[in-house]
Structures are given as C-alpha cells and as structure tokens.
Amino acid sequence: MALAQHISIQNTEKVNHHFLWKISQTGTALLKRLLWHTKGYATVFGIMLLTFASLSFLYLYWSGKKLTQVFQHHTVVEQK
C-alpha cells in the first residue's frame, strides 16, 4: 500500500509541432491537387453530357419528323 502511494505518473511525451505542421501542409496540398484535377474532369464530363443531350434531342426531333411524314403520306386521300 505504501508503495502505491509513492508512484507518480509523469507525462513526458512532448508533442512535435513541426511534425504536425508538416502533416497539415501535406494534407492541404493533397486536397488542393485533388480539387484541381476534379475541376478539370468535371468540365470535360459536363461538355460530354451536354453533347450527348444535344445529340439525343436531335435524334428525337429527326425521328419525330420522319414519323409525321410517314403518317401524312398514309392519310392523304388522292383525288382524281
């Protein structure tokens, strides 16, 4: 019991602020690089999406126009 009263725990660990600062800088640089690449890919993806949407619209327009021409030829009554 007397032995347990004389034990003192000292926190001798020191925080290495330089190491923490380097980790912070590395994480920030990595995040900036990731965002820069993401921005470039987002622009390319947006242009591709716009292109496919435009082509889809043109295809539907062309198909509808052809369909109406077919139905107009079948419904026209020829007069003699």
PDB file of N, CA and C in Angstrom:
ATOM      1  N   MET A   1       0.817  -1.181   0.000  1.00  0.00           N
ATOM      2  CA  MET A   1       0.000   0.000   0.000  1.00  0.00           C
ATOM      3  C   MET A   1       0.860   1.243   0.000  1.00  0.00           C
ATOM      4  N   ALA A   2       1.920   1.223   0.769  1.00  0.00           N
ATOM      5  CA  ALA A   2       2.815   2.365   0.841  1.00  0.00           C
ATOM      6  C   ALA A   2       3.527   2.554  -0.496  1.00  0.00           C
ATOM      7  N   LEU A   3       3.753   1.459  -1.205  1.00  0.00           N
ATOM      8  CA  LEU A   3       4.428   1.531  -2.487  1.00  0.00           C
ATOM      9  C   LEU A   3       3.557   2.235  -3.528  1.00  0.00           C
ATOM     10  N   ALA A   4       2.276   1.975  -3.490  1.00  0.00           N
ATOM     11  CA  ALA A   4       1.362   2.579  -4.452  1.00  0.00           C
ATOM     12  C   ALA A   4       1.213   4.069  -4.232  1.00  0.00           C
ATOM     13  N   GLN A   5       1.430   4.558  -3.048  1.00  0.00           N
ATOM     14  CA  GLN A   5       1.284   5.987  -2.771  1.00  0.00           C
ATOM     15  C   GLN A   5       2.464   6.788  -3.307  1.00  0.00           C
ATOM     16  N   HIS A   6       3.601   6.159  -3.518  1.00  0.00           N
ATOM     17  CA  HIS A   6       4.784   6.880  -3.953  1.00  0.00           C
ATOM     18  C   HIS A   6       4.980   6.871  -5.475  1.00  0.00           C
ATOM     19  N   ILE A   7       4.101   6.151  -6.178  1.00  0.00           N
ATOM     20  CA  ILE A   7       4.234   6.100  -7.640  1.00  0.00           C
ATOM     21  C   ILE A   7       3.553   7.339  -8.219  1.00  0.00           C
ATOM     22  N   SER A   8       4.301   8.049  -8.986  1.00  0.00           N
ATOM     23  CA  SER A   8       3.713   9.208  -9.668  1.00  0.00           C
ATOM     24  C   SER A   8       3.909   9.021 -11.174  1.00  0.00           C
ATOM     25  N   ILE A   9       2.866   9.312 -11.905  1.00  0.00           N
ATOM     26  CA  ILE A   9       2.905   9.163 -13.361  1.00  0.00           C
ATOM     27  C   ILE A   9       3.160  10.536 -13.957  1.00  0.00           C
ATOM     28  N   GLN A  10       4.220  10.607 -14.717  1.00  0.00           N
ATOM     29  CA  GLN A  10       4.549  11.874 -15.357  1.00  0.00           C
ATOM     30  C   GLN A  10       4.358  11.725 -16.865  1.00  0.00           C
ATOM     31  N   ASN A  11       3.749  12.711 -17.426  1.00  0.00           N
ATOM     32  CA  ASN A  11       3.535  12.716 -18.865  1.00  0.00           C
ATOM     33  C   ASN A  11       4.747  13.381 -19.512  1.00  0.00           C
ATOM     34  N   THR A  12       5.671  12.576 -19.955  1.00  0.00           N
ATOM     35  CA  THR A  12       6.904  13.115 -20.521  1.00  0.00           C
ATOM     36  C   THR A  12       6.868  13.200 -22.039  1.00  0.00           C
ATOM     37  N   GLU A  13       5.756  12.778 -22.645  1.00  0.00           N
ATOM     38  CA  GLU A  13       5.651  12.862 -24.100  1.00  0.00           C
ATOM     39  C   GLU A  13       5.484  14.311 -24.519  1.00  0.00           C
ATOM     40  N   LYS A  14       6.290  14.715 -25.465  1.00  0.00           N
ATOM     41  CA  LYS A  14       6.183  16.069 -25.987  1.00  0.00           C
ATOM     42  C   LYS A  14       5.587  15.989 -27.394  1.00  0.00           C
ATOM     43  N   VAL A  15       4.749  16.913 -27.686  1.00  0.00           N
ATOM     44  CA  VAL A  15       4.118  16.955 -28.999  1.00  0.00           C
ATOM     45  C   VAL A  15       5.086  17.635 -29.959  1.00  0.00           C
ATOM     46  N   ASN A  16       5.366  16.971 -31.041  1.00  0.00           N
ATOM     47  CA  ASN A  16       6.260  17.523 -32.042  1.00  0.00           C
ATOM     48  C   ASN A  16       5.431  18.408 -32.981  1.00  0.00           C
ATOM     49  N   HIS A  17       5.482  19.695 -32.729  1.00  0.00           N
ATOM     50  CA  HIS A  17       4.658  20.631 -33.504  1.00  0.00           C
ATOM     51  C   HIS A  17       5.124  20.711 -34.953  1.00  0.00           C
ATOM     52  N   HIS A  18       6.406  20.567 -35.188  1.00  0.00           N
ATOM     53  CA  HIS A  18       6.913  20.614 -36.556  1.00  0.00           C
ATOM     54  C   HIS A  18       6.350  19.455 -37.379  1.00  0.00           C
ATOM     55  N   PHE A  19       6.278  18.265 -36.788  1.00  0.00           N
ATOM     56  CA  PHE A  19       5.733  17.101 -37.479  1.00  0.00           C
ATOM     57  C   PHE A  19       4.244  17.290 -37.789  1.00  0.00           C
ATOM     58  N   LEU A  20       3.506  17.811 -36.811  1.00  0.00           N
ATOM     59  CA  LEU A  20       2.076  18.065 -37.039  1.00  0.00           C
ATOM     60  C   LEU A  20       1.873  19.113 -38.125  1.00  0.00           C
ATOM     61  N   TRP A  21       2.731  20.121 -38.181  1.00  0.00           N
ATOM     62  CA  TRP A  21       2.629  21.174 -39.192  1.00  0.00           C
ATOM     63  C   TRP A  21       2.904  20.591 -40.585  1.00  0.00           C
ATOM     64  N   LYS A  22       3.887  19.697 -40.684  1.00  0.00           N
ATOM     65  CA  LYS A  22       4.196  19.064 -41.971  1.00  0.00           C
ATOM     66  C   LYS A  22       3.034  18.188 -42.445  1.00  0.00           C
ATOM     67  N   ILE A  23       2.430  17.467 -41.518  1.00  0.00           N
ATOM     68  CA  ILE A  23       1.279  16.640 -41.883  1.00  0.00           C
ATOM     69  C   ILE A  23       0.133  17.522 -42.371  1.00  0.00           C
ATOM     70  N   SER A  24      -0.098  18.624 -41.703  1.00  0.00           N
ATOM     71  CA  SER A  24      -1.151  19.552 -42.099  1.00  0.00           C
ATOM     72  C   SER A  24      -0.887  20.124 -43.491  1.00  0.00           C
ATOM     73  N   GLN A  25       0.358  20.525 -43.750  1.00  0.00           N
ATOM     74  CA  GLN A  25       0.699  21.078 -45.058  1.00  0.00           C
ATOM     75  C   GLN A  25       0.569  20.030 -46.160  1.00  0.00           C
ATOM     76  N   THR A  26       0.986  18.815 -45.882  1.00  0.00           N
ATOM     77  CA  THR A  26       0.884  17.746 -46.873  1.00  0.00           C
ATOM     78  C   THR A  26      -0.580  17.430 -47.176  1.00  0.00           C
ATOM     79  N   GLY A  27      -1.408  17.370 -46.154  1.00  0.00           N
ATOM     80  CA  GLY A  27      -2.842  17.120 -46.360  1.00  0.00           C
ATOM     81  C   GLY A  27      -3.503  18.222 -47.160  1.00  0.00           C
ATOM     82  N   THR A  28      -3.134  19.471 -46.871  1.00  0.00           N
ATOM     83  CA  THR A  28      -3.709  20.600 -47.607  1.00  0.00           C
ATOM     84  C   THR A  28      -3.277  20.564 -49.069  1.00  0.00           C
ATOM     85  N   ALA A  29      -2.006  20.274 -49.323  1.00  0.00           N
ATOM     86  CA  ALA A  29      -1.513  20.197 -50.702  1.00  0.00           C
ATOM     87  C   ALA A  29      -2.204  19.078 -51.466  1.00  0.00           C
ATOM     88  N   LEU A  30      -2.401  17.940 -50.810  1.00  0.00           N
ATOM     89  CA  LEU A  30      -3.079  16.813 -51.450  1.00  0.00           C
ATOM     90  C   LEU A  30      -4.528  17.162 -51.788  1.00  0.00           C
ATOM     91  N   LEU A  31      -5.205  17.831 -50.873  1.00  0.00           N
ATOM     92  CA  LEU A  31      -6.589  18.234 -51.115  1.00  0.00           C
ATOM     93  C   LEU A  31      -6.689  19.235 -52.262  1.00  0.00           C
ATOM     94  N   LYS A  32      -5.770  20.204 -52.307  1.00  0.00           N
ATOM     95  CA  LYS A  32      -5.780  21.186 -53.400  1.00  0.00           C
ATOM     96  C   LYS A  32      -5.541  20.511 -54.746  1.00  0.00           C
ATOM     97  N   ARG A  33      -4.610  19.564 -54.764  1.00  0.00           N
ATOM     98  CA  ARG A  33      -4.316  18.848 -56.003  1.00  0.00           C
ATOM     99  C   ARG A  33      -5.522  18.027 -56.451  1.00  0.00           C
ATOM    100  N   LEU A  34      -6.170  17.370 -55.520  1.00  0.00           N
ATOM    101  CA  LEU A  34      -7.355  16.577 -55.840  1.00  0.00           C
ATOM    102  C   LEU A  34      -8.471  17.460 -56.384  1.00  0.00           C
ATOM    103  N   LEU A  35      -8.701  18.607 -55.767  1.00  0.00           N
ATOM    104  CA  LEU A  35      -9.744  19.511 -56.243  1.00  0.00           C
ATOM    105  C   LEU A  35      -9.418  20.067 -57.625  1.00  0.00           C
ATOM    106  N   TRP A  36      -8.125  20.340 -57.886  1.00  0.00           N
ATOM    107  CA  TRP A  36      -7.735  20.858 -59.189  1.00  0.00           C
ATOM    108  C   TRP A  36      -8.009  19.826 -60.281  1.00  0.00           C
ATOM    109  N   HIS A  37      -7.672  18.557 -60.021  1.00  0.00           N
ATOM    110  CA  HIS A  37      -7.931  17.513 -61.008  1.00  0.00           C
ATOM    111  C   HIS A  37      -9.432  17.267 -61.160  1.00  0.00           C
ATOM    112  N   THR A  38     -10.163  17.314 -60.078  1.00  0.00           N
ATOM    113  CA  THR A  38     -11.605  17.101 -60.134  1.00  0.00           C
ATOM    114  C   THR A  38     -12.282  18.184 -60.955  1.00  0.00           C
ATOM    115  N   LYS A  39     -11.810  19.412 -60.812  1.00  0.00           N
ATOM    116  CA  LYS A  39     -12.392  20.518 -61.571  1.00  0.00           C
ATOM    117  C   LYS A  39     -12.198  20.303 -63.069  1.00  0.00           C
ATOM    118  N   GLY A  40     -11.027  19.852 -63.471  1.00  0.00           N
ATOM    119  CA  GLY A  40     -10.771  19.583 -64.882  1.00  0.00           C
ATOM    120  C   GLY A  40     -11.644  18.469 -65.418  1.00  0.00           C
ATOM    121  N   TYR A  41     -11.760  17.383 -64.667  1.00  0.00           N
ATOM    122  CA  TYR A  41     -12.593  16.271 -65.112  1.00  0.00           C
ATOM    123  C   TYR A  41     -14.069  16.648 -65.098  1.00  0.00           C
ATOM    124  N   ALA A  42     -14.489  17.475 -64.176  1.00  0.00           N
ATOM    125  CA  ALA A  42     -15.891  17.903 -64.132  1.00  0.00           C
ATOM    126  C   ALA A  42     -16.232  18.727 -65.368  1.00  0.00           C
ATOM    127  N   THR A  43     -15.294  19.550 -65.822  1.00  0.00           N
ATOM    128  CA  THR A  43     -15.530  20.342 -67.025  1.00  0.00           C
ATOM    129  C   THR A  43     -15.682  19.437 -68.243  1.00  0.00           C
ATOM    130  N   VAL A  44     -14.798  18.470 -68.379  1.00  0.00           N
ATOM    131  CA  VAL A  44     -14.871  17.540 -69.511  1.00  0.00           C
ATOM    132  C   VAL A  44     -16.158  16.723 -69.440  1.00  0.00           C
ATOM    133  N   PHE A  45     -16.509  16.250 -68.264  1.00  0.00           N
ATOM    134  CA  PHE A  45     -17.740  15.472 -68.103  1.00  0.00           C
ATOM    135  C   PHE A  45     -18.965  16.315 -68.438  1.00  0.00           C
ATOM    136  N   GLY A  46     -18.968  17.585 -68.041  1.00  0.00           N
ATOM    137  CA  GLY A  46     -20.091  18.475 -68.351  1.00  0.00           C
ATOM    138  C   GLY A  46     -20.253  18.698 -69.843  1.00  0.00           C
ATOM    139  N   ILE A  47     -19.138  18.869 -70.551  1.00  0.00           N
ATOM    140  CA  ILE A  47     -19.203  19.056 -72.004  1.00  0.00           C
ATOM    141  C   ILE A  47     -19.702  17.786 -72.687  1.00  0.00           C
ATOM    142  N   MET A  48     -19.223  16.625 -72.206  1.00  0.00           N
ATOM    143  CA  MET A  48     -19.697  15.363 -72.786  1.00  0.00           C
ATOM    144  C   MET A  48     -21.193  15.176 -72.544  1.00  0.00           C
ATOM    145  N   LEU A  49     -21.657  15.501 -71.354  1.00  0.00           N
ATOM    146  CA  LEU A  49     -23.073  15.369 -71.037  1.00  0.00           C
ATOM    147  C   LEU A  49     -23.915  16.291 -71.914  1.00  0.00           C
ATOM    148  N   LEU A  50     -23.458  17.509 -72.114  1.00  0.00           N
ATOM    149  CA  LEU A  50     -24.166  18.450 -72.976  1.00  0.00           C
ATOM    150  C   LEU A  50     -24.204  17.955 -74.418  1.00  0.00           C
ATOM    151  N   THR A  51     -23.108  17.375 -74.885  1.00  0.00           N
ATOM    152  CA  THR A  51     -23.054  16.841 -76.248  1.00  0.00           C
ATOM    153  C   THR A  51     -24.038  15.687 -76.418  1.00  0.00           C
ATOM    154  N   PHE A  52     -24.051  14.753 -75.480  1.00  0.00           N
ATOM    155  CA  PHE A  52     -24.976  13.624 -75.580  1.00  0.00           C
ATOM    156  C   PHE A  52     -26.435  14.069 -75.475  1.00  0.00           C
ATOM    157  N   ALA A  53     -26.703  15.058 -74.646  1.00  0.00           N
ATOM    158  CA  ALA A  53     -28.074  15.570 -74.550  1.00  0.00           C
ATOM    159  C   ALA A  53     -28.496  16.222 -75.862  1.00  0.00           C
ATOM    160  N   SER A  54     -27.605  16.970 -76.484  1.00  0.00           N
ATOM    161  CA  SER A  54     -27.921  17.615 -77.762  1.00  0.00           C
ATOM    162  C   SER A  54     -28.153  16.576 -78.856  1.00  0.00           C
ATOM    163  N   LEU A  55     -27.291  15.557 -78.904  1.00  0.00           N
ATOM    164  CA  LEU A  55     -27.471  14.511 -79.913  1.00  0.00           C
ATOM    165  C   LEU A  55     -28.765  13.736 -79.693  1.00  0.00           C
ATOM    166  N   SER A  56     -29.106  13.497 -78.450  1.00  0.00           N
ATOM    167  CA  SER A  56     -30.367  12.808 -78.150  1.00  0.00           C
ATOM    168  C   SER A  56     -31.562  13.634 -78.589  1.00  0.00           C
ATOM    169  N   PHE A  57     -31.505  14.929 -78.326  1.00  0.00           N
ATOM    170  CA  PHE A  57     -32.596  15.806 -78.747  1.00  0.00           C
ATOM    171  C   PHE A  57     -32.715  15.814 -80.269  1.00  0.00           C
ATOM    172  N   LEU A  58     -31.589  15.912 -80.962  1.00  0.00           N
ATOM    173  CA  LEU A  58     -31.633  15.915 -82.425  1.00  0.00           C
ATOM    174  C   LEU A  58     -32.163  14.597 -82.974  1.00  0.00           C
ATOM    175  N   TYR A  59     -31.790  13.486 -82.354  1.00  0.00           N
ATOM    176  CA  TYR A  59     -32.294  12.186 -82.795  1.00  0.00           C
ATOM    177  C   TYR A  59     -33.811  12.090 -82.606  1.00  0.00           C
ATOM    178  N   LEU A  60     -34.299  12.537 -81.456  1.00  0.00           N
ATOM    179  CA  LEU A  60     -35.747  12.510 -81.230  1.00  0.00           C
ATOM    180  C   LEU A  60     -36.477  13.430 -82.195  1.00  0.00           C
ATOM    181  N   TYR A  61     -35.909  14.575 -82.466  1.00  0.00           N
ATOM    182  CA  TYR A  61     -36.531  15.526 -83.403  1.00  0.00           C
ATOM    183  C   TYR A  61     -36.582  14.923 -84.807  1.00  0.00           C
ATOM    184  N   TRP A  62     -35.462  14.322 -85.242  1.00  0.00           N
ATOM    185  CA  TRP A  62     -35.409  13.730 -86.559  1.00  0.00           C
ATOM    186  C   TRP A  62     -36.377  12.548 -86.679  1.00  0.00           C
ATOM    187  N   SER A  63     -36.433  11.720 -85.638  1.00  0.00           N
ATOM    188  CA  SER A  63     -37.350  10.575 -85.649  1.00  0.00           C
ATOM    189  C   SER A  63     -38.797  11.036 -85.686  1.00  0.00           C
ATOM    190  N   GLY A  64     -39.124  12.047 -84.916  1.00  0.00           N
ATOM    191  CA  GLY A  64     -40.488  12.572 -84.926  1.00  0.00           C
ATOM    192  C   GLY A  64     -40.862  13.166 -86.267  1.00  0.00           C
ATOM    193  N   LYS A  65     -39.916  13.828 -86.896  1.00  0.00           N
ATOM    194  CA  LYS A  65     -40.187  14.429 -88.199  1.00  0.00           C
ATOM    195  C   LYS A  65     -40.420  13.348 -89.249  1.00  0.00           C
ATOM    196  N   LYS A  66     -39.606  12.308 -89.223  1.00  0.00           N
ATOM    197  CA  LYS A  66     -39.780  11.196 -90.163  1.00  0.00           C
ATOM    198  C   LYS A  66     -41.103  10.476 -89.921  1.00  0.00           C
ATOM    199  N   LEU A  67     -41.457  10.308 -88.648  1.00  0.00           N
ATOM    200  CA  LEU A  67     -42.695   9.622 -88.306  1.00  0.00           C
ATOM    201  C   LEU A  67     -43.908  10.404 -88.807  1.00  0.00           C
ATOM    202  N   THR A  68     -43.897  11.713 -88.632  1.00  0.00           N
ATOM    203  CA  THR A  68     -45.031  12.524 -89.093  1.00  0.00           C
ATOM    204  C   THR A  68     -45.125  12.516 -90.604  1.00  0.00           C
ATOM    205  N   GLN A  69     -43.989  12.451 -91.316  1.00  0.00           N
ATOM    206  CA  GLN A  69     -44.031  12.384 -92.772  1.00  0.00           C
ATOM    207  C   GLN A  69     -44.640  11.070 -93.232  1.00  0.00           C
ATOM    208  N   VAL A  70     -44.326   9.983 -92.536  1.00  0.00           N
ATOM    209  CA  VAL A  70     -44.883   8.675 -92.903  1.00  0.00           C
ATOM    210  C   VAL A  70     -46.384   8.678 -92.698  1.00  0.00           C
ATOM    211  N   PHE A  71     -46.847   9.208 -91.566  1.00  0.00           N
ATOM    212  CA  PHE A  71     -48.288   9.220 -91.296  1.00  0.00           C
ATOM    213  C   PHE A  71     -49.024  10.174 -92.225  1.00  0.00           C
ATOM    214  N   GLN A  72     -48.405  11.259 -92.651  1.00  0.00           N
ATOM    215  CA  GLN A  72     -49.054  12.188 -93.574  1.00  0.00           C
ATOM    216  C   GLN A  72     -49.245  11.539 -94.941  1.00  0.00           C
ATOM    217  N   HIS A  73     -48.293  10.722 -95.392  1.00  0.00           N
ATOM    218  CA  HIS A  73     -48.426  10.069 -96.694  1.00  0.00           C
ATOM    219  C   HIS A  73     -49.522   9.013 -96.673  1.00  0.00           C
ATOM    220  N   HIS A  74     -49.743   8.378 -95.546  1.00  0.00           N
ATOM    221  CA  HIS A  74     -50.776   7.350 -95.465  1.00  0.00           C
ATOM    222  C   HIS A  74     -52.170   7.941 -95.324  1.00  0.00           C
ATOM    223  N   THR A  75     -52.284   9.125 -94.801  1.00  0.00           N
ATOM    224  CA  THR A  75     -53.611   9.685 -94.562  1.00  0.00           C
ATOM    225  C   THR A  75     -54.101  10.580 -95.697  1.00  0.00           C
ATOM    226  N   VAL A  76     -53.238  10.882 -96.640  1.00  0.00           N
ATOM    227  CA  VAL A  76     -53.647  11.747 -97.755  1.00  0.00           C
ATOM    228  C   VAL A  76     -54.484  10.933 -98.731  1.00  0.00           C
ATOM    229  N   VAL A  77     -55.653  11.475 -99.046  1.00  0.00           N
ATOM    230  CA  VAL A  77     -56.557  10.823 -99.996  1.00  0.00           C
ATOM    231  C   VAL A  77     -56.326  11.465-101.344  1.00  0.00           C
ATOM    232  N   GLU A  78     -56.021  10.635-102.325  1.00  0.00           N
ATOM    233  CA  GLU A  78     -55.776  11.159-103.651  1.00  0.00           C
ATOM    234  C   GLU A  78     -57.109  11.390-104.380  1.00  0.00           C
ATOM    235  N   GLN A  79     -57.184  12.518-105.021  1.00  0.00           N
ATOM    236  CA  GLN A  79     -58.388  12.847-105.760  1.00  0.00           C
ATOM    237  C   GLN A  79     -58.109  12.705-107.269  1.00  0.00           C
ATOM    238  N   LYS A  80     -59.111  12.208-108.014  1.00  0.00           N
ATOM    239  CA  LYS A  80     -58.930  12.028-109.454  1.00  0.00           C
ATOM    240  C   LYS A  80     -59.514  13.171-110.222  1.00  0.00           C
TER     241      LYS A  80
END
